Every structure is written in structure tokens, then in C-alpha cells.
Amino acid sequence: MTSLKKQSKRLLSDIQKSANQLALLTSDLTLLEDTHEWARSLEKNIETLNQQLAGLKKAEFNATLADSEILEILDELIDSDPISALEQRLFAAQADQESGVVGEFFQQLLDKIEKLYTPLLSAIQQLTAMQDKL
């Protein structure tokens, strides 16, 4: 069985990777600005948490992670439900267009973002749930 420290490090890495991909996908796109800011906030918080945990032995690592305010911030970021807000913005923008091509583009874009968001959400939920085990 993998130690909690190894599981946590893997989840942090998964979150960082997904947040990076989401930030890259949504950068410099006005309609996706809120999603981009959400991903950047996630990146910064994970980076800070990784810095706090760097070089710590297992017991100290687990205690630091369990007491980290960043886990609460991650919970709040997930609770903000950025994908639902994005869906509403995209479909409102589509309503202003007559072309079905625009709607198809928005749906494809939303599908790509959801593919990045789903494992990201899962990893964050697993990481914050580990707080009780630490």
C-alpha cells in the first residue's frame, strides 16, 4: 500500500498538471477569462503548498498538509463550480449568434475543458479527503 505522503504527492502533481493544461487552454480568450483565473489560482495555491511540503519527512509532511489552509482554499475553489458558470456564459454567447457552427465550437471547447476539469476535481477531492487520514 502506498503511503499517504506518496499518495498526496501524486495527487498534488496531478492537480498541478491539470491546472497547467487548463490555464494554457483558456489563456488569452476573453470569454474564458474567469476559467483561466480559476486555473491560475489553483496553480499558485498548489505551488505554494508544494513549497511548504518540500523536503519534509513523512510525519512532518502529513501534519503540515493536514493543517494547511490551502486545502480549505482548494475546497472553496471546487465549490465555486467554474464549469457550470462557463457553460452558462458559453450558451449565452451562443444565443447571440445565428450560426450552428458557433454552438458546435462552444460544445467542443466545453467538452475539452470538462475532460481536464473532471480528473482535476477528483484529485482535489481525494487530496482534501486525505486530511482526515493524516
Protein backbone atom coordinates (compact mmCIF):
# COMPACT_ATOMS: atom_id res chain seq x y z
CA MET A 1 0.00 0.00 0.00
CA THR A 2 1.25 3.45 -0.90
CA SER A 3 1.98 5.82 1.96
CA LEU A 4 -0.21 8.87 2.49
CA LYS A 5 2.78 11.05 1.63
CA LYS A 6 3.25 9.34 -1.74
CA GLN A 7 -0.49 9.48 -2.46
CA SER A 8 -0.55 13.17 -1.57
CA LYS A 9 2.46 13.96 -3.73
CA ARG A 10 0.88 12.11 -6.68
CA LEU A 11 -2.40 13.99 -6.23
CA LEU A 12 -0.59 17.33 -5.96
CA SER A 13 1.28 16.51 -9.17
CA ASP A 14 -1.96 15.52 -10.93
CA ILE A 15 -3.66 18.73 -9.79
CA GLN A 16 -0.71 20.86 -10.90
CA LYS A 17 -0.59 19.18 -14.31
CA SER A 18 -4.33 19.54 -14.91
CA ALA A 19 -4.38 23.14 -13.71
CA ASN A 20 -1.45 23.96 -16.03
CA GLN A 21 -3.24 22.40 -19.00
CA LEU A 22 -6.48 24.21 -18.19
CA ALA A 23 -4.67 27.54 -17.79
CA LEU A 24 -2.90 27.04 -21.11
CA LEU A 25 -6.12 26.11 -22.91
CA THR A 26 -8.00 29.13 -21.57
CA SER A 27 -5.25 31.76 -21.81
CA ASP A 28 -5.86 34.90 -23.87
CA LEU A 29 -9.52 34.02 -24.52
CA THR A 30 -11.80 36.76 -23.24
CA LEU A 31 -14.85 34.55 -22.87
CA LEU A 32 -12.81 32.08 -20.80
CA GLU A 33 -11.10 34.65 -18.59
CA ASP A 34 -12.85 33.54 -15.38
CA THR A 35 -11.91 29.91 -16.01
CA HIS A 36 -8.33 30.96 -16.73
CA GLU A 37 -8.14 32.95 -13.48
CA TRP A 38 -9.57 29.97 -11.60
CA ALA A 39 -6.90 27.66 -13.07
CA ARG A 40 -4.12 30.17 -12.33
CA SER A 41 -5.31 30.49 -8.72
CA LEU A 42 -5.24 26.73 -8.43
CA GLU A 43 -1.71 26.62 -9.89
CA LYS A 44 -0.45 29.22 -7.43
CA ASN A 45 -2.01 27.52 -4.41
CA ILE A 46 -0.60 24.12 -5.36
CA GLU A 47 2.81 25.66 -5.97
CA THR A 48 2.71 27.29 -2.53
CA LEU A 49 1.64 24.03 -0.90
CA ASN A 50 4.42 22.12 -2.67
CA GLN A 51 6.93 24.68 -1.38
CA GLN A 52 5.61 24.28 2.17
CA LEU A 53 5.91 20.49 1.94
CA ALA A 54 9.28 20.30 0.16
CA GLY A 55 11.89 18.27 1.98
CA LEU A 56 9.70 17.32 4.94
CA LYS A 57 9.85 13.83 6.45
CA LYS A 58 6.69 11.72 6.39
CA ALA A 59 5.24 12.69 9.80
CA GLU A 60 6.01 16.38 9.38
CA PHE A 61 4.75 16.28 5.77
CA ASN A 62 1.45 14.72 6.85
CA ALA A 63 0.99 17.15 9.75
CA THR A 64 1.78 20.18 7.58
CA LEU A 65 -0.60 19.01 4.88
CA ALA A 66 -3.38 18.25 7.38
CA ASP A 67 -3.09 21.74 8.89
CA SER A 68 -2.72 23.56 5.58
CA GLU A 69 -5.14 26.38 4.89
CA ILE A 70 -4.59 25.70 1.21
CA LEU A 71 -6.74 22.55 1.44
CA GLU A 72 -9.62 24.78 2.52
CA ILE A 73 -8.88 27.12 -0.38
CA LEU A 74 -8.94 24.15 -2.78
CA ASP A 75 -12.32 23.12 -1.38
CA GLU A 76 -13.62 26.65 -1.94
CA LEU A 77 -12.27 26.70 -5.49
CA ILE A 78 -14.10 23.47 -6.27
CA ASP A 79 -17.29 24.67 -4.58
CA SER A 80 -17.29 27.71 -6.87
CA ASP A 81 -18.29 25.31 -9.71
CA PRO A 82 -16.47 27.09 -12.54
CA ILE A 83 -17.69 24.67 -15.20
CA SER A 84 -21.36 25.49 -14.63
CA ALA A 85 -20.58 29.20 -14.81
CA LEU A 86 -18.61 28.63 -18.01
CA GLU A 87 -21.47 26.65 -19.55
CA GLN A 88 -23.86 29.50 -18.83
CA ARG A 89 -21.51 32.07 -20.39
CA LEU A 90 -20.87 29.97 -23.49
CA PHE A 91 -24.52 29.22 -24.12
CA ALA A 92 -25.48 32.85 -23.52
CA ALA A 93 -22.86 33.88 -26.08
CA GLN A 94 -24.17 31.25 -28.48
CA ALA A 95 -27.69 32.63 -28.14
CA ASP A 96 -26.37 35.87 -29.63
CA GLN A 97 -25.21 34.01 -32.74
CA GLU A 98 -27.29 32.57 -35.54
CA SER A 99 -24.72 30.05 -36.74
CA GLY A 100 -24.83 26.46 -35.52
CA VAL A 101 -21.08 26.35 -36.12
CA VAL A 102 -20.53 28.64 -33.14
CA GLY A 103 -22.62 26.39 -30.93
CA GLU A 104 -20.71 23.34 -32.11
CA PHE A 105 -17.40 25.11 -31.38
CA PHE A 106 -18.56 26.05 -27.88
CA GLN A 107 -19.68 22.48 -27.20
CA GLN A 108 -16.34 21.08 -28.39
CA LEU A 109 -14.47 23.60 -26.26
CA LEU A 110 -16.61 22.83 -23.24
CA ASP A 111 -16.04 19.09 -23.75
CA LYS A 112 -12.25 19.64 -23.76
CA ILE A 113 -12.40 21.77 -20.63
CA GLU A 114 -14.60 19.23 -18.85
CA LYS A 115 -12.11 16.45 -19.73
CA LEU A 116 -9.41 18.47 -17.96
CA TYR A 117 -11.67 19.53 -15.10
CA THR A 118 -13.06 16.10 -14.17
CA PRO A 119 -9.74 14.47 -13.15
CA LEU A 120 -8.70 17.76 -11.55
CA LEU A 121 -11.85 17.79 -9.42
CA SER A 122 -11.35 14.15 -8.48
CA ALA A 123 -7.72 14.70 -7.45
CA ILE A 124 -8.61 17.72 -5.32
CA GLN A 125 -11.44 15.85 -3.63
CA GLN A 126 -9.12 12.91 -2.88
CA LEU A 127 -6.44 15.23 -1.53
CA THR A 128 -8.80 17.14 0.74
CA ALA A 129 -10.38 13.87 1.93
CA MET A 130 -6.93 12.67 2.98
CA GLN A 131 -6.83 15.45 5.56
CA ASP A 132 -8.89 13.23 7.86
CA LYS A 133 -6.39 10.37 7.49
CA LEU A 134 -3.27 12.44 8.20
